[in-house]
Amino acid sequence: MAHQPITHSSGLVIPQNTYVRFSMQGCHYHEDEWQNPYEFLPERHDPNSELFKTPSGGKRSSLAYNPFGFGIRACPGKSLGQLLLKV
């Protein structure tokens, strides 16, 4: 099966045979998603805090913070931690 170019909804076209990387660190510090992204502010994870919202006041993307990764390269400690919470 031949690889076809991918067109994103924004109009960006990714040509075939292009390597694409996803930067998790870039998501954790994205200025459109986080208020003061380079400061340690634990209250940004509290739904009752004003810092829980994006700088424009909207809802943050579900991919803005993913500390354990995803897919086959996800952190193996995630499953262990979730299992221990149940115990």
C-alpha atoms as a PDB file:
ATOM      1  CA  MET A   1       0.000   0.000   0.000  1.00  0.00           C
ATOM      2  CA  ALA A   2       1.497   3.344  -1.024  1.00  0.00           C
ATOM      3  CA  HIS A   3       1.687   6.132   1.514  1.00  0.00           C
ATOM      4  CA  GLN A   4      -0.405   9.143   0.644  1.00  0.00           C
ATOM      5  CA  PRO A   5       0.181  12.731   1.745  1.00  0.00           C
ATOM      6  CA  ILE A   6      -1.833  13.742   4.812  1.00  0.00           C
ATOM      7  CA  THR A   7      -3.795  16.982   4.864  1.00  0.00           C
ATOM      8  CA  HIS A   8      -4.525  18.453   8.280  1.00  0.00           C
ATOM      9  CA  SER A   9      -7.761  20.357   8.897  1.00  0.00           C
ATOM     10  CA  SER A  10      -5.669  23.559   9.120  1.00  0.00           C
ATOM     11  CA  GLY A  11      -4.595  23.058   5.503  1.00  0.00           C
ATOM     12  CA  LEU A  12      -1.084  21.840   6.362  1.00  0.00           C
ATOM     13  CA  VAL A  13       0.006  19.086   3.964  1.00  0.00           C
ATOM     14  CA  ILE A  14       2.538  16.508   5.179  1.00  0.00           C
ATOM     15  CA  PRO A  15       4.201  14.924   2.124  1.00  0.00           C
ATOM     16  CA  GLN A  16       4.661  11.176   1.982  1.00  0.00           C
ATOM     17  CA  ASN A  17       7.897   9.736   3.457  1.00  0.00           C
ATOM     18  CA  THR A  18       8.131  12.658   5.893  1.00  0.00           C
ATOM     19  CA  TYR A  19       9.240  11.878   9.433  1.00  0.00           C
ATOM     20  CA  VAL A  20       7.027  13.502  12.047  1.00  0.00           C
ATOM     21  CA  ARG A  21       7.923  13.799  15.720  1.00  0.00           C
ATOM     22  CA  PHE A  22       5.610  14.597  18.570  1.00  0.00           C
ATOM     23  CA  SER A  23       7.191  16.650  21.340  1.00  0.00           C
ATOM     24  CA  MET A  24       5.586  15.901  24.682  1.00  0.00           C
ATOM     25  CA  GLN A  25       7.793  18.509  26.344  1.00  0.00           C
ATOM     26  CA  GLY A  26       6.579  21.079  23.833  1.00  0.00           C
ATOM     27  CA  CYS A  27       2.981  20.305  24.825  1.00  0.00           C
ATOM     28  CA  HIS A  28       3.730  20.731  28.516  1.00  0.00           C
ATOM     29  CA  TYR A  29       5.126  24.233  27.921  1.00  0.00           C
ATOM     30  CA  HIS A  30       2.822  25.436  25.122  1.00  0.00           C
ATOM     31  CA  GLU A  31       1.972  29.096  25.744  1.00  0.00           C
ATOM     32  CA  ASP A  32      -1.471  28.778  24.108  1.00  0.00           C
ATOM     33  CA  GLU A  33      -2.452  26.069  26.616  1.00  0.00           C
ATOM     34  CA  TRP A  34      -0.801  27.169  29.876  1.00  0.00           C
ATOM     35  CA  GLN A  35      -0.718  30.355  31.889  1.00  0.00           C
ATOM     36  CA  ASN A  36       2.910  31.017  32.930  1.00  0.00           C
ATOM     37  CA  PRO A  37       4.107  27.710  31.414  1.00  0.00           C
ATOM     38  CA  TYR A  38       7.655  27.913  32.816  1.00  0.00           C
ATOM     39  CA  GLU A  39       6.598  28.374  36.450  1.00  0.00           C
ATOM     40  CA  PHE A  40       5.840  25.574  38.918  1.00  0.00           C
ATOM     41  CA  LEU A  41       2.151  26.159  39.691  1.00  0.00           C
ATOM     42  CA  PRO A  42       0.446  22.994  41.008  1.00  0.00           C
ATOM     43  CA  GLU A  43      -2.873  24.848  41.273  1.00  0.00           C
ATOM     44  CA  ARG A  44      -3.124  24.804  37.464  1.00  0.00           C
ATOM     45  CA  HIS A  45      -4.397  21.220  37.814  1.00  0.00           C
ATOM     46  CA  ASP A  46      -7.194  22.236  40.224  1.00  0.00           C
ATOM     47  CA  PRO A  47     -10.487  22.658  38.313  1.00  0.00           C
ATOM     48  CA  ASN A  48     -11.518  25.401  40.777  1.00  0.00           C
ATOM     49  CA  SER A  49      -8.436  27.526  40.035  1.00  0.00           C
ATOM     50  CA  GLU A  50      -8.280  30.292  37.408  1.00  0.00           C
ATOM     51  CA  LEU A  51      -4.987  28.754  36.262  1.00  0.00           C
ATOM     52  CA  PHE A  52      -6.895  25.627  35.181  1.00  0.00           C
ATOM     53  CA  LYS A  53      -7.983  27.444  32.007  1.00  0.00           C
ATOM     54  CA  THR A  54      -5.947  28.468  28.978  1.00  0.00           C
ATOM     55  CA  PRO A  55      -4.595  32.039  28.839  1.00  0.00           C
ATOM     56  CA  SER A  56      -7.582  32.976  26.653  1.00  0.00           C
ATOM     57  CA  GLY A  57      -9.971  31.512  29.255  1.00  0.00           C
ATOM     58  CA  GLY A  58     -10.952  28.404  27.312  1.00  0.00           C
ATOM     59  CA  LYS A  59     -10.757  24.699  28.037  1.00  0.00           C
ATOM     60  CA  ARG A  60      -7.326  23.128  27.741  1.00  0.00           C
ATOM     61  CA  SER A  61      -6.696  20.364  25.169  1.00  0.00           C
ATOM     62  CA  SER A  62      -6.674  16.816  26.555  1.00  0.00           C
ATOM     63  CA  LEU A  63      -3.167  16.405  25.094  1.00  0.00           C
ATOM     64  CA  ALA A  64      -1.758  19.507  26.807  1.00  0.00           C
ATOM     65  CA  TYR A  65      -0.561  17.447  29.775  1.00  0.00           C
ATOM     66  CA  ASN A  66       0.248  13.762  29.527  1.00  0.00           C
ATOM     67  CA  PRO A  67       2.949  12.893  32.071  1.00  0.00           C
ATOM     68  CA  PHE A  68       3.010   9.148  31.378  1.00  0.00           C
ATOM     69  CA  GLY A  69       3.068   9.232  27.592  1.00  0.00           C
ATOM     70  CA  PHE A  70       0.862   7.077  25.413  1.00  0.00           C
ATOM     71  CA  GLY A  71       0.925   4.094  23.099  1.00  0.00           C
ATOM     72  CA  ILE A  72       3.514   1.326  23.275  1.00  0.00           C
ATOM     73  CA  ARG A  73       6.122   3.690  24.730  1.00  0.00           C
ATOM     74  CA  ALA A  74       4.004   4.697  27.715  1.00  0.00           C
ATOM     75  CA  CYS A  75       5.584   4.714  31.143  1.00  0.00           C
ATOM     76  CA  PRO A  76       5.490   1.166  32.621  1.00  0.00           C
ATOM     77  CA  GLY A  77       5.016   2.685  36.090  1.00  0.00           C
ATOM     78  CA  LYS A  78       1.609   4.015  35.053  1.00  0.00           C
ATOM     79  CA  SER A  79      -0.004   0.565  35.073  1.00  0.00           C
ATOM     80  CA  LEU A  80       1.706  -0.359  38.346  1.00  0.00           C
ATOM     81  CA  GLY A  81       0.607   2.893  39.982  1.00  0.00           C
ATOM     82  CA  GLN A  82      -3.001   2.440  38.861  1.00  0.00           C
ATOM     83  CA  LEU A  83      -2.972  -1.148  40.135  1.00  0.00           C
ATOM     84  CA  LEU A  84      -1.609  -0.039  43.507  1.00  0.00           C
ATOM     85  CA  LEU A  85      -4.342   2.600  43.801  1.00  0.00           C
ATOM     86  CA  LYS A  86      -6.950  -0.141  43.504  1.00  0.00           C
ATOM     87  CA  VAL A  87      -5.238  -2.282  46.145  1.00  0.00           C
END
